[in-house]
Amino acid sequence: IGAFARRILASPEDVFCFRRTLARETAYALVMQRLFGRSEGEMYLDGNGALVSGGLALAFDDSGILREGGAEIPAAVKEFLGDLLVRGAVVPAMSTLAKALASSSEGGSIGAYVGMFLSAALFEYHAARSGNKTDEEARELRKTLSGRDESNVDGWKARLQALLVDEDDLLKSVSGVNPVPNK
């Protein structure tokens, strides 16, 4: 990544700005991957240097429960960012985003939106797996899946709470880096 950035960017300042922006984008992608069950290895840089996270295609298990994602910073991105930006930009941005989402979810509105989003995604997932549905079959499927909606929202909230840990713990979970050097 470093050679690519140095080749397309004019100055060391531009490379640093790119690294700083990539650090923030990595943080946001990691939070979304952890909250919505994306697995690691689904982030990559495209040919123009943009971080691609693969969208929000959710991963449900066979019973309709959202799978947990354990995303870590990809090795090439971690190497390019370096310890300074992982500690000083990625982890604080993840923590800030998690805190903002948590404070919004306490008011209730974001929980309702997440519930609607997960419910629609779960319905689409099961409808696609079972083929085309008539209106009656679709209503029956919605009724069958309705109990899983609350479980998925509760799981999402638990994942959000798990992101509200000390930044040292968050650093270790996303990068495998020991929070205190030389320990």
C-alpha atoms as a PDB file:
ATOM      1  CA  ILE A   1       0.000   0.000   0.000  1.00  0.00           C
ATOM      2  CA  GLY A   2       2.859   2.350   0.848  1.00  0.00           C
ATOM      3  CA  ALA A   3       4.456   2.030  -2.582  1.00  0.00           C
ATOM      4  CA  PHE A   4       1.069   2.643  -4.216  1.00  0.00           C
ATOM      5  CA  ALA A   5       0.452   5.756  -2.108  1.00  0.00           C
ATOM      6  CA  ARG A   6       3.920   7.178  -2.733  1.00  0.00           C
ATOM      7  CA  ARG A   7       3.527   6.536  -6.468  1.00  0.00           C
ATOM      8  CA  ILE A   8       0.217   8.368  -6.879  1.00  0.00           C
ATOM      9  CA  LEU A   9       0.587  11.117  -4.282  1.00  0.00           C
ATOM     10  CA  ALA A  10       2.774  14.144  -4.815  1.00  0.00           C
ATOM     11  CA  SER A  11       4.282  14.749  -1.390  1.00  0.00           C
ATOM     12  CA  PRO A  12       4.902  13.123   1.990  1.00  0.00           C
ATOM     13  CA  GLU A  13       2.176  15.376   3.432  1.00  0.00           C
ATOM     14  CA  ASP A  14      -0.315  13.926   0.929  1.00  0.00           C
ATOM     15  CA  VAL A  15       0.719  10.392   1.911  1.00  0.00           C
ATOM     16  CA  PHE A  16       0.178  11.215   5.580  1.00  0.00           C
ATOM     17  CA  CYS A  17      -3.251  12.730   4.843  1.00  0.00           C
ATOM     18  CA  PHE A  18      -4.131   9.575   2.918  1.00  0.00           C
ATOM     19  CA  ARG A  19      -2.965   7.418   5.838  1.00  0.00           C
ATOM     20  CA  ARG A  20      -4.999   9.475   8.313  1.00  0.00           C
ATOM     21  CA  THR A  21      -8.127   9.238   6.146  1.00  0.00           C
ATOM     22  CA  LEU A  22      -7.579   5.514   5.654  1.00  0.00           C
ATOM     23  CA  ALA A  23      -7.299   5.128   9.439  1.00  0.00           C
ATOM     24  CA  ARG A  24     -10.706   6.763   9.981  1.00  0.00           C
ATOM     25  CA  GLU A  25     -12.314   4.744   7.192  1.00  0.00           C
ATOM     26  CA  THR A  26     -10.831   1.569   8.659  1.00  0.00           C
ATOM     27  CA  ALA A  27     -12.316   2.414  12.057  1.00  0.00           C
ATOM     28  CA  TYR A  28     -15.796   2.958  10.631  1.00  0.00           C
ATOM     29  CA  ALA A  29     -15.612  -0.234   8.581  1.00  0.00           C
ATOM     30  CA  LEU A  30     -14.479  -2.251  11.616  1.00  0.00           C
ATOM     31  CA  VAL A  31     -17.344  -0.962  13.743  1.00  0.00           C
ATOM     32  CA  MET A  32     -19.898  -1.821  11.061  1.00  0.00           C
ATOM     33  CA  GLN A  33     -18.356  -5.250  10.544  1.00  0.00           C
ATOM     34  CA  ARG A  34     -18.499  -5.991  14.248  1.00  0.00           C
ATOM     35  CA  LEU A  35     -22.048  -4.696  14.713  1.00  0.00           C
ATOM     36  CA  PHE A  36     -23.551  -6.359  11.666  1.00  0.00           C
ATOM     37  CA  GLY A  37     -21.749  -9.669  11.636  1.00  0.00           C
ATOM     38  CA  ARG A  38     -19.371  -9.180   8.771  1.00  0.00           C
ATOM     39  CA  SER A  39     -16.304 -11.381   8.945  1.00  0.00           C
ATOM     40  CA  GLU A  40     -12.711 -10.290   8.703  1.00  0.00           C
ATOM     41  CA  GLY A  41     -10.957 -10.143   5.357  1.00  0.00           C
ATOM     42  CA  GLU A  42     -13.797  -8.285   3.688  1.00  0.00           C
ATOM     43  CA  MET A  43     -12.009  -4.940   3.636  1.00  0.00           C
ATOM     44  CA  TYR A  44      -9.613  -4.111   0.867  1.00  0.00           C
ATOM     45  CA  LEU A  45      -8.204  -1.183  -1.066  1.00  0.00           C
ATOM     46  CA  ASP A  46      -9.393  -0.779  -4.630  1.00  0.00           C
ATOM     47  CA  GLY A  47      -7.159   0.380  -7.490  1.00  0.00           C
ATOM     48  CA  ASN A  48      -7.740   4.035  -6.612  1.00  0.00           C
ATOM     49  CA  GLY A  49      -6.730   3.655  -2.973  1.00  0.00           C
ATOM     50  CA  ALA A  50     -10.273   3.701  -1.572  1.00  0.00           C
ATOM     51  CA  LEU A  51     -11.115   1.365   1.299  1.00  0.00           C
ATOM     52  CA  VAL A  52     -13.875  -1.008   0.247  1.00  0.00           C
ATOM     53  CA  SER A  53     -15.769  -2.786   2.996  1.00  0.00           C
ATOM     54  CA  GLY A  54     -18.023  -4.969   0.869  1.00  0.00           C
ATOM     55  CA  GLY A  55     -21.269  -3.296   1.844  1.00  0.00           C
ATOM     56  CA  LEU A  56     -23.630  -4.492   4.514  1.00  0.00           C
ATOM     57  CA  ALA A  57     -24.580  -7.940   3.281  1.00  0.00           C
ATOM     58  CA  LEU A  58     -25.527  -9.465   6.606  1.00  0.00           C
ATOM     59  CA  ALA A  59     -24.639 -12.994   7.642  1.00  0.00           C
ATOM     60  CA  PHE A  60     -27.438 -14.940   9.331  1.00  0.00           C
ATOM     61  CA  ASP A  61     -27.189 -18.472  10.630  1.00  0.00           C
ATOM     62  CA  ASP A  62     -29.772 -21.107   9.657  1.00  0.00           C
ATOM     63  CA  SER A  63     -32.019 -20.168  12.565  1.00  0.00           C
ATOM     64  CA  GLY A  64     -32.132 -16.523  11.476  1.00  0.00           C
ATOM     65  CA  ILE A  65     -29.810 -15.075  14.094  1.00  0.00           C
ATOM     66  CA  LEU A  66     -27.243 -12.527  12.955  1.00  0.00           C
ATOM     67  CA  ARG A  67     -23.760 -14.030  13.075  1.00  0.00           C
ATOM     68  CA  GLU A  68     -21.071 -12.334  15.093  1.00  0.00           C
ATOM     69  CA  GLY A  69     -18.226 -10.657  13.246  1.00  0.00           C
ATOM     70  CA  GLY A  70     -14.727 -10.480  14.657  1.00  0.00           C
ATOM     71  CA  ALA A  71     -13.133  -8.021  12.290  1.00  0.00           C
ATOM     72  CA  GLU A  72      -9.500  -7.071  12.659  1.00  0.00           C
ATOM     73  CA  ILE A  73      -7.448  -4.556  10.749  1.00  0.00           C
ATOM     74  CA  PRO A  74      -6.102  -6.266   7.614  1.00  0.00           C
ATOM     75  CA  ALA A  75      -2.349  -6.872   7.922  1.00  0.00           C
ATOM     76  CA  ALA A  76      -1.412  -4.718   4.905  1.00  0.00           C
ATOM     77  CA  VAL A  77      -3.512  -1.808   6.184  1.00  0.00           C
ATOM     78  CA  LYS A  78      -2.072  -2.165   9.710  1.00  0.00           C
ATOM     79  CA  GLU A  79       1.473  -2.159   8.310  1.00  0.00           C
ATOM     80  CA  PHE A  80       0.799   0.913   6.161  1.00  0.00           C
ATOM     81  CA  LEU A  81      -0.875   2.863   8.973  1.00  0.00           C
ATOM     82  CA  GLY A  82       1.733   1.994  11.539  1.00  0.00           C
ATOM     83  CA  ASP A  83       1.361   1.833  15.289  1.00  0.00           C
ATOM     84  CA  LEU A  84       0.931   5.594  15.646  1.00  0.00           C
ATOM     85  CA  LEU A  85      -2.219   5.777  13.512  1.00  0.00           C
ATOM     86  CA  VAL A  86      -3.648   2.472  14.755  1.00  0.00           C
ATOM     87  CA  ARG A  87      -3.340   3.712  18.357  1.00  0.00           C
ATOM     88  CA  GLY A  88      -3.993   7.374  17.665  1.00  0.00           C
ATOM     89  CA  ALA A  89      -6.682   7.336  14.977  1.00  0.00           C
ATOM     90  CA  VAL A  90      -8.312   3.932  14.383  1.00  0.00           C
ATOM     91  CA  VAL A  91      -9.046   3.000  17.986  1.00  0.00           C
ATOM     92  CA  PRO A  92     -10.237   6.466  19.130  1.00  0.00           C
ATOM     93  CA  ALA A  93     -12.478   6.749  16.048  1.00  0.00           C
ATOM     94  CA  MET A  94     -13.982   3.309  16.752  1.00  0.00           C
ATOM     95  CA  SER A  95     -14.565   4.286  20.374  1.00  0.00           C
ATOM     96  CA  THR A  96     -16.135   7.619  19.435  1.00  0.00           C
ATOM     97  CA  LEU A  97     -18.451   6.037  16.882  1.00  0.00           C
ATOM     98  CA  ALA A  98     -19.513   3.324  19.338  1.00  0.00           C
ATOM     99  CA  LYS A  99     -20.216   5.952  22.022  1.00  0.00           C
ATOM    100  CA  ALA A 100     -22.259   8.034  19.592  1.00  0.00           C
ATOM    101  CA  LEU A 101     -24.291   5.005  18.521  1.00  0.00           C
ATOM    102  CA  ALA A 102     -24.802   3.964  22.140  1.00  0.00           C
ATOM    103  CA  SER A 103     -26.047   7.401  23.157  1.00  0.00           C
ATOM    104  CA  SER A 104     -28.407   7.417  20.159  1.00  0.00           C
ATOM    105  CA  SER A 105     -29.699   3.941  20.952  1.00  0.00           C
ATOM    106  CA  GLU A 106     -30.526   4.972  24.531  1.00  0.00           C
ATOM    107  CA  GLY A 107     -33.123   7.360  23.125  1.00  0.00           C
ATOM    108  CA  GLY A 108     -34.732   4.470  21.298  1.00  0.00           C
ATOM    109  CA  SER A 109     -34.823   5.785  17.734  1.00  0.00           C
ATOM    110  CA  ILE A 110     -31.731   4.027  16.424  1.00  0.00           C
ATOM    111  CA  GLY A 111     -32.853   0.728  17.988  1.00  0.00           C
ATOM    112  CA  ALA A 112     -36.102   0.949  16.039  1.00  0.00           C
ATOM    113  CA  TYR A 113     -34.249   1.668  12.792  1.00  0.00           C
ATOM    114  CA  VAL A 114     -31.809  -1.159  13.392  1.00  0.00           C
ATOM    115  CA  GLY A 115     -34.753  -3.447  14.145  1.00  0.00           C
ATOM    116  CA  MET A 116     -36.469  -2.536  10.867  1.00  0.00           C
ATOM    117  CA  PHE A 117     -33.227  -2.930   8.935  1.00  0.00           C
ATOM    118  CA  LEU A 118     -32.431  -6.336  10.455  1.00  0.00           C
ATOM    119  CA  SER A 119     -36.017  -7.518  10.021  1.00  0.00           C
ATOM    120  CA  ALA A 120     -36.035  -6.609   6.326  1.00  0.00           C
ATOM    121  CA  ALA A 121     -32.596  -8.165   5.796  1.00  0.00           C
ATOM    122  CA  LEU A 122     -33.637 -11.374   7.560  1.00  0.00           C
ATOM    123  CA  PHE A 123     -36.810 -11.620   5.480  1.00  0.00           C
ATOM    124  CA  GLU A 124     -34.872 -11.077   2.233  1.00  0.00           C
ATOM    125  CA  TYR A 125     -32.292 -13.668   3.290  1.00  0.00           C
ATOM    126  CA  HIS A 126     -34.895 -16.354   3.995  1.00  0.00           C
ATOM    127  CA  ALA A 127     -37.075 -15.445   1.004  1.00  0.00           C
ATOM    128  CA  ALA A 128     -34.054 -15.726  -1.317  1.00  0.00           C
ATOM    129  CA  ARG A 129     -33.114 -19.116   0.149  1.00  0.00           C
ATOM    130  CA  SER A 130     -36.607 -20.544  -0.287  1.00  0.00           C
ATOM    131  CA  GLY A 131     -37.416 -19.144  -3.729  1.00  0.00           C
ATOM    132  CA  ASN A 132     -40.236 -16.881  -4.879  1.00  0.00           C
ATOM    133  CA  LYS A 133     -43.059 -16.451  -2.402  1.00  0.00           C
ATOM    134  CA  THR A 134     -46.747 -15.764  -2.874  1.00  0.00           C
ATOM    135  CA  ASP A 135     -48.210 -13.032  -0.694  1.00  0.00           C
ATOM    136  CA  GLU A 136     -49.632 -15.623   1.692  1.00  0.00           C
ATOM    137  CA  GLU A 137     -46.298 -17.443   1.972  1.00  0.00           C
ATOM    138  CA  ALA A 138     -44.528 -14.119   2.531  1.00  0.00           C
ATOM    139  CA  ARG A 139     -46.922 -13.227   5.380  1.00  0.00           C
ATOM    140  CA  GLU A 140     -46.381 -16.637   6.950  1.00  0.00           C
ATOM    141  CA  LEU A 141     -42.603 -16.246   6.645  1.00  0.00           C
ATOM    142  CA  ARG A 142     -42.760 -12.807   8.304  1.00  0.00           C
ATOM    143  CA  LYS A 143     -44.789 -14.281  11.154  1.00  0.00           C
ATOM    144  CA  THR A 144     -42.308 -17.136  11.562  1.00  0.00           C
ATOM    145  CA  LEU A 145     -39.330 -14.762  11.622  1.00  0.00           C
ATOM    146  CA  SER A 146     -40.878 -12.142  13.904  1.00  0.00           C
ATOM    147  CA  GLY A 147     -39.450 -13.647  17.106  1.00  0.00           C
ATOM    148  CA  ARG A 148     -35.943 -13.475  15.728  1.00  0.00           C
ATOM    149  CA  ASP A 149     -36.130  -9.719  15.180  1.00  0.00           C
ATOM    150  CA  GLU A 150     -35.910  -8.961  18.883  1.00  0.00           C
ATOM    151  CA  SER A 151     -33.073 -11.463  19.340  1.00  0.00           C
ATOM    152  CA  ASN A 152     -31.115  -9.827  16.522  1.00  0.00           C
ATOM    153  CA  VAL A 153     -31.625  -6.316  17.919  1.00  0.00           C
ATOM    154  CA  ASP A 154     -30.586  -7.531  21.379  1.00  0.00           C
ATOM    155  CA  GLY A 155     -27.487  -9.122  19.820  1.00  0.00           C
ATOM    156  CA  TRP A 156     -26.701  -5.881  17.995  1.00  0.00           C
ATOM    157  CA  LYS A 157     -26.989  -3.922  21.246  1.00  0.00           C
ATOM    158  CA  ALA A 158     -24.720  -6.426  23.018  1.00  0.00           C
ATOM    159  CA  ARG A 159     -22.110  -6.015  20.266  1.00  0.00           C
ATOM    160  CA  LEU A 160     -22.356  -2.260  20.626  1.00  0.00           C
ATOM    161  CA  GLN A 161     -21.805  -2.563  24.381  1.00  0.00           C
ATOM    162  CA  ALA A 162     -18.772  -4.757  23.689  1.00  0.00           C
ATOM    163  CA  LEU A 163     -17.270  -1.882  21.684  1.00  0.00           C
ATOM    164  CA  LEU A 164     -17.652   0.442  24.670  1.00  0.00           C
ATOM    165  CA  VAL A 165     -14.592  -0.981  26.378  1.00  0.00           C
ATOM    166  CA  ASP A 166     -11.404   0.744  27.358  1.00  0.00           C
ATOM    167  CA  GLU A 167      -9.448   1.859  24.283  1.00  0.00           C
ATOM    168  CA  ASP A 168      -6.530  -0.404  25.262  1.00  0.00           C
ATOM    169  CA  ASP A 169      -8.840  -3.429  25.149  1.00  0.00           C
ATOM    170  CA  LEU A 170     -10.268  -2.255  21.832  1.00  0.00           C
ATOM    171  CA  LEU A 171      -6.753  -1.838  20.437  1.00  0.00           C
ATOM    172  CA  LYS A 172      -5.851  -5.392  21.372  1.00  0.00           C
ATOM    173  CA  SER A 173      -9.070  -6.810  19.892  1.00  0.00           C
ATOM    174  CA  VAL A 174      -8.707  -5.129  16.488  1.00  0.00           C
ATOM    175  CA  SER A 175      -4.985  -5.298  15.959  1.00  0.00           C
ATOM    176  CA  GLY A 176      -3.470  -7.818  18.316  1.00  0.00           C
ATOM    177  CA  VAL A 177      -1.159  -5.020  19.481  1.00  0.00           C
ATOM    178  CA  ASN A 178      -0.285  -4.977  23.168  1.00  0.00           C
ATOM    179  CA  PRO A 179      -1.653  -1.635  24.448  1.00  0.00           C
ATOM    180  CA  VAL A 180       1.414  -0.939  26.548  1.00  0.00           C
ATOM    181  CA  PRO A 181       4.678  -1.220  24.607  1.00  0.00           C
ATOM    182  CA  ASN A 182       7.367  -3.591  25.949  1.00  0.00           C
ATOM    183  CA  LYS A 183       5.018  -5.719  28.032  1.00  0.00           C
END
